[in-house]
Amino acid sequence: MGMIKLDSSFAKKIGFTSDKFEGYLWRDEKVITISVIISLQEGQGHLRELIERIEEKGYHILVPTPMPAMMILLKRWGFTSRFQDGMFGPVNIWEAPKK
């Protein structure tokens, strides 16, 4: 549980590697939160592959306050938006469709 660092053993299983991304993810029970992530090769499908692998492992995905480009992709992939109270006010959370 906690932070998933790039290239850790779990990160490698889901394709979260330093040749494709910068940043980190969070794991809590059966939820993975994509907190801070930068694709090093935009348009190559690495983010989609990452999401698919996370879901294949049985995790649900949340993305708090995504950047506009990521928001477009999340909408396309069926994620929905909701607001949740956070430490500093409301946070826009994007949630993967239930499978």
N, C-alpha and C. Protein backbone atom coordinates (compact mmCIF):
# COMPACT_ATOMS: atom_id res chain seq x y z
N MET A 1 0.83 -1.18 0.00
CA MET A 1 0.00 0.00 0.00
C MET A 1 0.89 1.25 0.00
N GLY A 2 0.34 2.36 -0.43
CA GLY A 2 1.09 3.60 -0.46
C GLY A 2 1.58 3.93 -1.86
N MET A 3 2.68 4.66 -1.92
CA MET A 3 3.21 5.14 -3.18
C MET A 3 3.76 4.00 -4.03
N ILE A 4 3.46 4.05 -5.32
CA ILE A 4 4.04 3.12 -6.29
C ILE A 4 5.09 3.91 -7.04
N LYS A 5 6.33 3.57 -6.81
CA LYS A 5 7.44 4.28 -7.47
C LYS A 5 7.74 3.62 -8.82
N LEU A 6 8.18 4.44 -9.74
CA LEU A 6 8.59 3.95 -11.05
C LEU A 6 9.58 2.80 -10.90
N ASP A 7 9.44 1.80 -11.74
CA ASP A 7 10.37 0.67 -11.82
C ASP A 7 10.40 -0.25 -10.61
N SER A 8 9.49 -0.04 -9.62
CA SER A 8 9.41 -0.99 -8.51
C SER A 8 8.85 -2.30 -9.09
N SER A 9 8.89 -3.36 -8.34
CA SER A 9 8.43 -4.65 -8.88
C SER A 9 6.97 -4.58 -9.31
N PHE A 10 6.10 -3.98 -8.48
CA PHE A 10 4.69 -3.86 -8.86
C PHE A 10 4.55 -2.94 -10.07
N ALA A 11 5.30 -1.84 -10.08
CA ALA A 11 5.23 -0.89 -11.20
C ALA A 11 5.56 -1.58 -12.52
N LYS A 12 6.56 -2.43 -12.51
CA LYS A 12 6.94 -3.14 -13.73
C LYS A 12 5.82 -4.06 -14.20
N LYS A 13 5.09 -4.66 -13.27
CA LYS A 13 3.99 -5.57 -13.63
C LYS A 13 2.87 -4.84 -14.36
N ILE A 14 2.70 -3.56 -14.07
CA ILE A 14 1.62 -2.80 -14.72
C ILE A 14 2.15 -1.88 -15.83
N GLY A 15 3.45 -1.90 -16.07
CA GLY A 15 4.02 -1.09 -17.15
C GLY A 15 4.34 0.34 -16.76
N PHE A 16 4.46 0.60 -15.46
CA PHE A 16 4.79 1.94 -14.99
C PHE A 16 6.30 2.04 -14.82
N THR A 17 6.97 2.29 -15.94
CA THR A 17 8.43 2.26 -15.98
C THR A 17 9.01 3.59 -16.44
N SER A 18 10.25 3.82 -16.04
CA SER A 18 10.90 5.12 -16.28
C SER A 18 11.21 5.39 -17.75
N ASP A 19 11.12 4.39 -18.60
CA ASP A 19 11.32 4.65 -20.03
C ASP A 19 10.04 5.22 -20.67
N LYS A 20 8.90 5.13 -19.94
CA LYS A 20 7.63 5.60 -20.48
C LYS A 20 7.03 6.77 -19.70
N PHE A 21 7.33 6.85 -18.41
CA PHE A 21 6.67 7.84 -17.55
C PHE A 21 7.63 8.49 -16.57
N GLU A 22 7.18 9.63 -16.04
CA GLU A 22 7.75 10.25 -14.85
C GLU A 22 6.59 10.38 -13.87
N GLY A 23 6.88 10.38 -12.58
CA GLY A 23 5.84 10.58 -11.59
C GLY A 23 5.69 9.42 -10.63
N TYR A 24 4.48 9.30 -10.09
CA TYR A 24 4.19 8.23 -9.14
C TYR A 24 2.69 7.98 -9.10
N LEU A 25 2.34 6.82 -8.58
CA LEU A 25 0.94 6.41 -8.39
C LEU A 25 0.75 6.09 -6.92
N TRP A 26 -0.51 5.96 -6.49
CA TRP A 26 -0.83 5.55 -5.12
C TRP A 26 -1.71 4.33 -5.16
N ARG A 27 -1.45 3.39 -4.25
CA ARG A 27 -2.29 2.19 -4.15
C ARG A 27 -2.87 2.12 -2.74
N ASP A 28 -4.18 1.90 -2.68
CA ASP A 28 -4.88 1.78 -1.41
C ASP A 28 -5.95 0.72 -1.58
N GLU A 29 -5.78 -0.41 -0.90
CA GLU A 29 -6.72 -1.53 -1.05
C GLU A 29 -6.81 -1.91 -2.52
N LYS A 30 -7.98 -1.75 -3.13
CA LYS A 30 -8.17 -2.12 -4.53
C LYS A 30 -8.35 -0.89 -5.43
N VAL A 31 -7.75 0.23 -5.02
CA VAL A 31 -7.82 1.47 -5.80
C VAL A 31 -6.41 1.95 -6.10
N ILE A 32 -6.19 2.33 -7.35
CA ILE A 32 -4.93 2.98 -7.72
C ILE A 32 -5.28 4.38 -8.19
N THR A 33 -4.60 5.35 -7.60
CA THR A 33 -4.81 6.75 -7.94
C THR A 33 -3.64 7.22 -8.78
N ILE A 34 -3.96 7.74 -9.95
CA ILE A 34 -2.93 8.30 -10.83
C ILE A 34 -2.80 9.76 -10.43
N SER A 35 -1.84 10.03 -9.55
CA SER A 35 -1.69 11.36 -8.97
C SER A 35 -0.88 12.29 -9.85
N VAL A 36 0.36 11.96 -10.03
CA VAL A 36 1.28 12.79 -10.80
C VAL A 36 1.95 11.89 -11.81
N ILE A 37 1.66 12.11 -13.08
CA ILE A 37 2.22 11.25 -14.12
C ILE A 37 2.45 12.07 -15.38
N ILE A 38 3.58 11.86 -16.00
CA ILE A 38 3.92 12.51 -17.26
C ILE A 38 4.35 11.42 -18.23
N SER A 39 3.73 11.39 -19.39
CA SER A 39 4.11 10.44 -20.42
C SER A 39 5.32 11.00 -21.17
N LEU A 40 6.36 10.20 -21.28
CA LEU A 40 7.57 10.64 -21.96
C LEU A 40 7.48 10.50 -23.47
N GLN A 41 6.48 9.73 -23.93
CA GLN A 41 6.29 9.51 -25.37
C GLN A 41 4.80 9.64 -25.68
N GLU A 42 4.31 10.86 -25.65
CA GLU A 42 2.88 11.09 -25.87
C GLU A 42 2.42 10.51 -27.20
N GLY A 43 1.19 10.00 -27.18
CA GLY A 43 0.60 9.48 -28.40
C GLY A 43 1.00 8.06 -28.75
N GLN A 44 1.76 7.40 -27.89
CA GLN A 44 2.22 6.04 -28.17
C GLN A 44 1.34 4.97 -27.53
N GLY A 45 0.33 5.37 -26.76
CA GLY A 45 -0.58 4.41 -26.15
C GLY A 45 -0.13 3.87 -24.80
N HIS A 46 0.93 4.43 -24.24
CA HIS A 46 1.44 3.91 -22.96
C HIS A 46 0.46 4.13 -21.81
N LEU A 47 -0.21 5.27 -21.79
CA LEU A 47 -1.17 5.53 -20.72
C LEU A 47 -2.33 4.55 -20.81
N ARG A 48 -2.83 4.32 -22.00
CA ARG A 48 -3.94 3.37 -22.18
C ARG A 48 -3.52 1.97 -21.71
N GLU A 49 -2.30 1.56 -22.09
CA GLU A 49 -1.78 0.25 -21.67
C GLU A 49 -1.66 0.17 -20.15
N LEU A 50 -1.22 1.24 -19.54
CA LEU A 50 -1.09 1.28 -18.08
C LEU A 50 -2.47 1.10 -17.43
N ILE A 51 -3.45 1.82 -17.92
CA ILE A 51 -4.80 1.72 -17.37
C ILE A 51 -5.35 0.31 -17.55
N GLU A 52 -5.15 -0.26 -18.73
CA GLU A 52 -5.63 -1.63 -18.98
C GLU A 52 -4.97 -2.64 -18.05
N ARG A 53 -3.68 -2.52 -17.83
CA ARG A 53 -2.98 -3.45 -16.94
C ARG A 53 -3.43 -3.30 -15.49
N ILE A 54 -3.64 -2.06 -15.07
CA ILE A 54 -4.13 -1.83 -13.71
C ILE A 54 -5.48 -2.50 -13.53
N GLU A 55 -6.36 -2.31 -14.50
CA GLU A 55 -7.69 -2.92 -14.43
C GLU A 55 -7.63 -4.45 -14.49
N GLU A 56 -6.72 -4.99 -15.31
CA GLU A 56 -6.55 -6.44 -15.39
C GLU A 56 -6.15 -7.04 -14.04
N LYS A 57 -5.43 -6.26 -13.23
CA LYS A 57 -5.00 -6.72 -11.91
C LYS A 57 -6.12 -6.58 -10.88
N GLY A 58 -7.27 -6.06 -11.31
CA GLY A 58 -8.44 -5.96 -10.43
C GLY A 58 -8.54 -4.68 -9.63
N TYR A 59 -7.79 -3.66 -10.02
CA TYR A 59 -7.84 -2.38 -9.32
C TYR A 59 -8.79 -1.41 -10.00
N HIS A 60 -9.38 -0.54 -9.21
CA HIS A 60 -10.22 0.55 -9.71
C HIS A 60 -9.31 1.79 -9.81
N ILE A 61 -9.56 2.65 -10.79
CA ILE A 61 -8.67 3.79 -11.04
C ILE A 61 -9.37 5.11 -10.77
N LEU A 62 -8.65 5.99 -10.06
CA LEU A 62 -9.08 7.37 -9.83
C LEU A 62 -7.98 8.31 -10.32
N VAL A 63 -8.41 9.45 -10.87
CA VAL A 63 -7.46 10.46 -11.34
C VAL A 63 -7.92 11.82 -10.81
N PRO A 64 -7.23 12.35 -9.77
CA PRO A 64 -7.63 13.66 -9.26
C PRO A 64 -7.07 14.80 -10.12
N THR A 65 -7.93 15.74 -10.46
CA THR A 65 -7.57 16.96 -11.16
C THR A 65 -6.59 16.73 -12.33
N PRO A 66 -7.03 15.98 -13.34
CA PRO A 66 -6.14 15.74 -14.48
C PRO A 66 -5.90 17.00 -15.30
N MET A 67 -4.77 17.00 -15.98
CA MET A 67 -4.46 18.09 -16.90
C MET A 67 -5.44 18.00 -18.09
N PRO A 68 -5.67 19.10 -18.81
CA PRO A 68 -6.66 19.10 -19.89
C PRO A 68 -6.46 17.99 -20.94
N ALA A 69 -5.23 17.74 -21.35
CA ALA A 69 -5.00 16.69 -22.37
C ALA A 69 -5.40 15.32 -21.84
N MET A 70 -5.10 15.07 -20.58
CA MET A 70 -5.46 13.79 -19.99
C MET A 70 -6.98 13.70 -19.80
N MET A 71 -7.60 14.80 -19.47
CA MET A 71 -9.05 14.84 -19.28
C MET A 71 -9.76 14.42 -20.57
N ILE A 72 -9.25 14.85 -21.70
CA ILE A 72 -9.85 14.48 -23.00
C ILE A 72 -9.79 12.97 -23.18
N LEU A 73 -8.64 12.37 -22.86
CA LEU A 73 -8.50 10.92 -22.98
C LEU A 73 -9.42 10.19 -22.01
N LEU A 74 -9.47 10.67 -20.78
CA LEU A 74 -10.31 10.01 -19.78
C LEU A 74 -11.78 10.02 -20.20
N LYS A 75 -12.24 11.15 -20.73
CA LYS A 75 -13.62 11.24 -21.23
C LYS A 75 -13.85 10.21 -22.33
N ARG A 76 -12.90 10.14 -23.26
CA ARG A 76 -13.01 9.20 -24.39
C ARG A 76 -13.10 7.76 -23.90
N TRP A 77 -12.41 7.45 -22.80
CA TRP A 77 -12.37 6.09 -22.27
C TRP A 77 -13.49 5.80 -21.27
N GLY A 78 -14.43 6.73 -21.11
CA GLY A 78 -15.60 6.48 -20.29
C GLY A 78 -15.47 6.84 -18.82
N PHE A 79 -14.40 7.53 -18.44
CA PHE A 79 -14.26 7.98 -17.05
C PHE A 79 -15.32 9.04 -16.78
N THR A 80 -15.77 9.12 -15.54
CA THR A 80 -16.73 10.15 -15.16
C THR A 80 -16.12 11.05 -14.09
N SER A 81 -16.63 12.26 -14.04
CA SER A 81 -16.10 13.28 -13.14
C SER A 81 -17.05 13.51 -11.97
N ARG A 82 -16.46 13.71 -10.81
CA ARG A 82 -17.23 14.10 -9.62
C ARG A 82 -16.34 14.98 -8.76
N PHE A 83 -16.95 15.68 -7.83
CA PHE A 83 -16.18 16.51 -6.90
C PHE A 83 -16.23 15.88 -5.52
N GLN A 84 -15.10 15.98 -4.83
CA GLN A 84 -14.97 15.42 -3.49
C GLN A 84 -14.25 16.45 -2.63
N ASP A 85 -14.68 16.59 -1.40
CA ASP A 85 -14.00 17.52 -0.49
C ASP A 85 -12.59 17.04 -0.22
N GLY A 86 -11.66 17.98 -0.33
CA GLY A 86 -10.25 17.70 -0.05
C GLY A 86 -9.74 18.63 1.03
N MET A 87 -8.49 18.48 1.34
CA MET A 87 -7.86 19.29 2.38
C MET A 87 -7.97 20.80 2.11
N PHE A 88 -7.87 21.18 0.84
CA PHE A 88 -7.86 22.59 0.47
C PHE A 88 -9.09 22.99 -0.33
N GLY A 89 -10.16 22.22 -0.20
CA GLY A 89 -11.38 22.52 -0.93
C GLY A 89 -11.76 21.37 -1.85
N PRO A 90 -12.75 21.59 -2.72
CA PRO A 90 -13.21 20.52 -3.61
C PRO A 90 -12.12 20.07 -4.59
N VAL A 91 -12.10 18.77 -4.84
CA VAL A 91 -11.16 18.18 -5.79
C VAL A 91 -11.97 17.48 -6.87
N ASN A 92 -11.60 17.70 -8.13
CA ASN A 92 -12.25 17.05 -9.25
C ASN A 92 -11.63 15.67 -9.45
N ILE A 93 -12.41 14.61 -9.18
CA ILE A 93 -11.95 13.24 -9.29
C ILE A 93 -12.55 12.60 -10.53
N TRP A 94 -11.71 12.03 -11.36
CA TRP A 94 -12.18 11.28 -12.53
C TRP A 94 -12.07 9.80 -12.17
N GLU A 95 -13.15 9.07 -12.44
CA GLU A 95 -13.24 7.68 -12.01
C GLU A 95 -13.47 6.77 -13.22
N ALA A 96 -12.72 5.66 -13.23
CA ALA A 96 -12.88 4.69 -14.31
C ALA A 96 -14.25 4.06 -14.25
N PRO A 97 -14.77 3.66 -15.41
CA PRO A 97 -16.07 2.97 -15.40
C PRO A 97 -15.95 1.65 -14.64
N LYS A 98 -16.99 1.29 -13.94
CA LYS A 98 -17.01 0.01 -13.20
C LYS A 98 -17.07 -1.12 -14.22
N LYS A 99 -16.29 -2.15 -13.96
CA LYS A 99 -16.28 -3.31 -14.88
C LYS A 99 -16.80 -4.52 -14.19
